Amino acid sequence: MVWKFDESVAERFQHEAQSHIPDYDRVIDLCLNYAEWRHRKDDIIVDVGSALGHTLHIFHQAGYTNIHGIESSIDMINRSLHSDKVIHSSSYVDLNPNLVLMNWTLHFIPDKKSYLRSIYDDLAENGSLILTDKTVQSLAVRSMYYNFKYKRGVPYQYIFEKENELKDVMYLDSVDWYFKVLSEIGFKVEILNAKYGFVTFVGVKDAN
């Protein structure tokens, strides 16, 4: 079987995301903290891969008034907390944002560099990208990641079945690759968070 973001995945997505992605809630909190430090409440904020709208909802509750989602799965949009704010597209949509969030999404896109270039070109001057992706894991880190999921109630059989389903739909690269590509595109890059191979990068456009 091949992993698809269909109705069956949408039904269980939020539970799996919060239970099985390292630092899921922490990363969203860090995104909000960063936005509060750097961006105004009426700045244009785009969440690429908005899924069920959890991040959009948190930003909405925090008072952000110009938030938008981009999501390739219509089943996710149909269940989104803010479906009216979500654009259905498998490619990037130009919105001239001040901040783009792209958490746990880029690793499902084969041509990651072109997608990142599209974001950079569309960002407002001094705009920011917060990107979280699963990166290439060493055997030790992968074992720690499996153990993390197992301790949260995920059977090893399910862990290995899901990994097998994701083989041809998840495209992993090293941390060095992300630094290299983001820098080549023009971002000033830092790491905001990392756990078990899931790394959150911050890229700023035209930073002084």
Protein backbone atom coordinates (compact mmCIF):
# COMPACT_ATOMS: atom_id res chain seq x y z
CA MET A 1 0.00 0.00 0.00
CA VAL A 2 1.03 3.63 -0.62
CA TRP A 3 0.26 6.38 1.87
CA LYS A 4 -2.43 8.83 0.67
CA PHE A 5 -3.89 11.82 2.47
CA ASP A 6 -7.44 10.61 1.93
CA GLU A 7 -10.53 10.51 4.14
CA SER A 8 -9.23 7.63 6.26
CA VAL A 9 -6.01 9.55 7.03
CA ALA A 10 -7.91 12.80 7.63
CA GLU A 11 -10.08 11.05 10.22
CA ARG A 12 -7.11 10.16 12.41
CA PHE A 13 -4.60 12.81 11.33
CA GLN A 14 -4.71 15.20 14.27
CA HIS A 15 -4.37 12.43 16.84
CA GLU A 16 -1.45 10.87 14.99
CA ALA A 17 0.26 14.20 14.46
CA GLN A 18 0.07 15.21 18.11
CA SER A 19 0.93 11.74 19.38
CA HIS A 20 3.61 10.63 16.92
CA ILE A 21 5.47 13.72 15.65
CA PRO A 22 8.27 14.76 18.04
CA ASP A 23 7.62 18.22 19.54
CA TYR A 24 4.48 18.73 17.45
CA ASP A 25 2.80 21.17 19.86
CA ARG A 26 6.11 22.73 20.86
CA VAL A 27 6.96 23.57 17.24
CA ILE A 28 3.59 25.27 16.70
CA ASP A 29 4.10 27.23 19.92
CA LEU A 30 7.55 28.27 18.68
CA CYS A 31 6.00 29.42 15.40
CA LEU A 32 3.54 31.57 17.32
CA ASN A 33 6.25 32.94 19.59
CA TYR A 34 8.37 33.84 16.58
CA ALA A 35 5.43 35.54 14.88
CA GLU A 36 4.67 37.54 18.01
CA TRP A 37 8.27 38.71 18.15
CA ARG A 38 8.73 39.56 14.47
CA HIS A 39 5.34 40.09 12.79
CA ARG A 40 2.25 42.26 13.21
CA LYS A 41 -1.21 40.82 13.81
CA ASP A 42 -2.31 41.92 10.33
CA ASP A 43 0.73 40.56 8.50
CA ILE A 44 -0.01 37.95 5.83
CA ILE A 45 0.74 34.49 7.24
CA VAL A 46 0.52 31.34 5.12
CA ASP A 47 0.50 27.78 6.45
CA VAL A 48 1.58 25.41 3.66
CA GLY A 49 0.18 21.95 4.29
CA SER A 50 -2.46 23.29 6.66
CA ALA A 51 -4.05 19.82 7.11
CA LEU A 52 -7.01 20.08 9.53
CA GLY A 53 -6.35 23.73 10.36
CA HIS A 54 -4.86 23.24 13.83
CA THR A 55 -2.08 25.80 13.32
CA LEU A 56 -4.45 28.22 11.59
CA HIS A 57 -6.77 27.94 14.59
CA ILE A 58 -4.01 28.69 17.10
CA PHE A 59 -2.96 31.78 15.14
CA HIS A 60 -6.60 32.85 14.80
CA GLN A 61 -7.09 32.55 18.56
CA ALA A 62 -3.94 34.63 19.09
CA GLY A 63 -5.48 37.49 17.11
CA TYR A 64 -3.87 37.12 13.68
CA THR A 65 -6.31 38.43 11.09
CA ASN A 66 -4.68 37.64 7.74
CA ILE A 67 -3.97 33.91 7.85
CA HIS A 68 -4.26 31.51 4.92
CA GLY A 69 -3.71 27.81 4.33
CA ILE A 70 -2.53 25.91 1.28
CA GLU A 71 -3.47 22.22 1.26
CA SER A 72 -3.29 19.56 -1.48
CA SER A 73 -5.78 17.15 0.11
CA ILE A 74 -9.46 18.00 -0.35
CA ASP A 75 -10.29 15.49 2.39
CA MET A 76 -8.16 17.49 4.83
CA ILE A 77 -9.80 20.76 3.75
CA ASN A 78 -13.28 19.31 4.19
CA ARG A 79 -12.44 18.61 7.84
CA SER A 80 -10.43 21.79 8.44
CA LEU A 81 -11.29 24.06 11.36
CA HIS A 82 -10.90 26.99 8.95
CA SER A 83 -11.75 25.60 5.50
CA ASP A 84 -12.79 29.07 4.35
CA LYS A 85 -9.19 30.23 4.74
CA VAL A 86 -7.62 27.31 2.82
CA ILE A 87 -6.66 27.20 -0.87
CA HIS A 88 -6.75 23.76 -2.50
CA SER A 89 -3.49 23.39 -4.43
CA SER A 90 -0.61 20.95 -4.83
CA SER A 91 1.73 23.79 -5.78
CA TYR A 92 2.65 27.00 -4.00
CA VAL A 93 0.20 29.90 -4.39
CA ASP A 94 1.48 33.49 -4.54
CA LEU A 95 0.09 35.55 -1.66
CA ASN A 96 3.06 37.87 -0.95
CA PRO A 97 3.21 36.79 2.70
CA ASN A 98 5.30 38.15 5.53
CA LEU A 99 5.58 34.72 7.16
CA VAL A 100 5.30 31.23 5.67
CA LEU A 101 4.94 28.17 7.89
CA MET A 102 5.71 24.83 6.30
CA ASN A 103 5.78 22.18 9.00
CA TRP A 104 6.00 18.43 8.22
CA THR A 105 5.02 19.00 4.58
CA LEU A 106 8.01 19.64 2.31
CA HIS A 107 9.34 16.10 2.71
CA PHE A 108 6.28 14.91 0.73
CA ILE A 109 7.26 17.07 -2.29
CA PRO A 110 9.74 15.54 -4.78
CA ASP A 111 11.18 18.85 -6.06
CA LYS A 112 11.76 20.55 -2.73
CA LYS A 113 14.21 23.13 -4.06
CA SER A 114 11.78 24.53 -6.63
CA TYR A 115 9.05 24.78 -4.01
CA LEU A 116 11.37 26.64 -1.64
CA ARG A 117 12.40 28.97 -4.46
CA SER A 118 8.73 29.77 -5.12
CA ILE A 119 8.25 30.65 -1.45
CA TYR A 120 11.37 32.82 -1.37
CA ASP A 121 10.41 34.72 -4.52
CA ASP A 122 6.92 35.44 -3.16
CA LEU A 123 7.93 36.44 0.37
CA ALA A 124 7.73 40.12 1.25
CA GLU A 125 11.04 41.84 1.92
CA ASN A 126 12.46 40.68 5.26
CA GLY A 127 9.81 37.96 5.31
CA SER A 128 10.36 34.68 7.13
CA LEU A 129 9.99 30.97 6.50
CA ILE A 130 9.65 28.46 9.32
CA LEU A 131 10.21 24.97 7.92
CA THR A 132 10.03 21.70 9.83
CA ASP A 133 10.92 18.46 8.06
CA LYS A 134 11.89 14.92 8.82
CA THR A 135 15.54 14.60 7.80
CA VAL A 136 17.78 11.60 7.14
CA GLN A 137 18.21 9.75 10.43
CA SER A 138 21.17 7.67 11.54
CA LEU A 139 20.42 4.16 12.77
CA ALA A 140 20.75 5.34 16.38
CA VAL A 141 18.42 8.32 15.95
CA ARG A 142 15.90 6.22 14.02
CA SER A 143 15.87 3.65 16.83
CA MET A 144 15.29 6.43 19.36
CA TYR A 145 12.44 7.75 17.21
CA TYR A 146 10.81 4.31 17.05
CA ASN A 147 11.15 4.00 20.81
CA PHE A 148 9.57 7.45 21.25
CA LYS A 149 6.54 6.35 19.24
CA TYR A 150 6.33 2.97 20.98
CA LYS A 151 6.28 4.64 24.41
CA ARG A 152 3.35 6.75 23.19
CA GLY A 153 1.34 3.62 22.47
CA VAL A 154 2.21 2.96 18.82
CA PRO A 155 2.79 -0.78 18.19
CA TYR A 156 6.00 -1.63 16.40
CA GLN A 157 4.00 -3.45 13.71
CA TYR A 158 2.14 -0.23 12.88
CA ILE A 159 5.41 1.77 12.93
CA PHE A 160 7.00 -0.52 10.35
CA GLU A 161 3.83 -0.79 8.22
CA LYS A 162 3.50 2.99 8.05
CA GLU A 163 7.18 3.41 7.22
CA ASN A 164 6.80 0.96 4.36
CA GLU A 165 3.75 2.85 3.01
CA LEU A 166 5.70 6.12 3.09
CA LYS A 167 8.75 4.82 1.21
CA ASP A 168 7.74 6.21 -2.17
CA VAL A 169 5.97 9.36 -0.96
CA MET A 170 8.45 10.82 1.54
CA TYR A 171 11.68 12.34 0.25
CA LEU A 172 14.30 12.76 2.96
CA ASP A 173 17.49 14.80 2.87
CA SER A 174 20.20 15.63 5.39
CA VAL A 175 20.31 18.68 7.64
CA ASP A 176 23.31 19.84 5.61
CA TRP A 177 21.19 19.69 2.45
CA TYR A 178 18.62 22.04 3.95
CA PHE A 179 21.27 24.53 5.07
CA LYS A 180 22.92 24.43 1.66
CA VAL A 181 19.75 24.79 -0.42
CA LEU A 182 18.08 27.42 1.77
CA SER A 183 21.28 29.46 1.81
CA GLU A 184 21.77 29.15 -1.95
CA ILE A 185 18.22 30.39 -2.52
CA GLY A 186 18.97 33.45 -0.39
CA PHE A 187 17.72 32.73 3.11
CA LYS A 188 19.69 33.48 6.24
CA VAL A 189 19.21 30.18 8.07
CA GLU A 190 19.10 29.06 11.70
CA ILE A 191 17.81 25.97 13.52
CA LEU A 192 14.96 26.70 15.90
CA ASN A 193 14.30 23.18 17.16
CA ALA A 194 15.37 19.57 16.58
CA LYS A 195 14.36 16.18 17.97
CA TYR A 196 14.89 12.64 16.64
CA GLY A 197 15.70 13.91 13.16
CA PHE A 198 12.75 16.30 12.90
CA VAL A 199 14.35 19.71 12.42
CA THR A 200 12.81 23.19 12.42
CA PHE A 201 14.65 25.78 10.33
CA VAL A 202 14.06 29.53 10.25
CA GLY A 203 14.94 31.35 7.04
CA VAL A 204 14.81 35.13 6.69
CA LYS A 205 14.73 36.85 3.30
CA ASP A 206 17.05 39.82 2.70
CA ALA A 207 18.14 39.88 6.34
CA ASN A 208 20.72 42.49 7.31
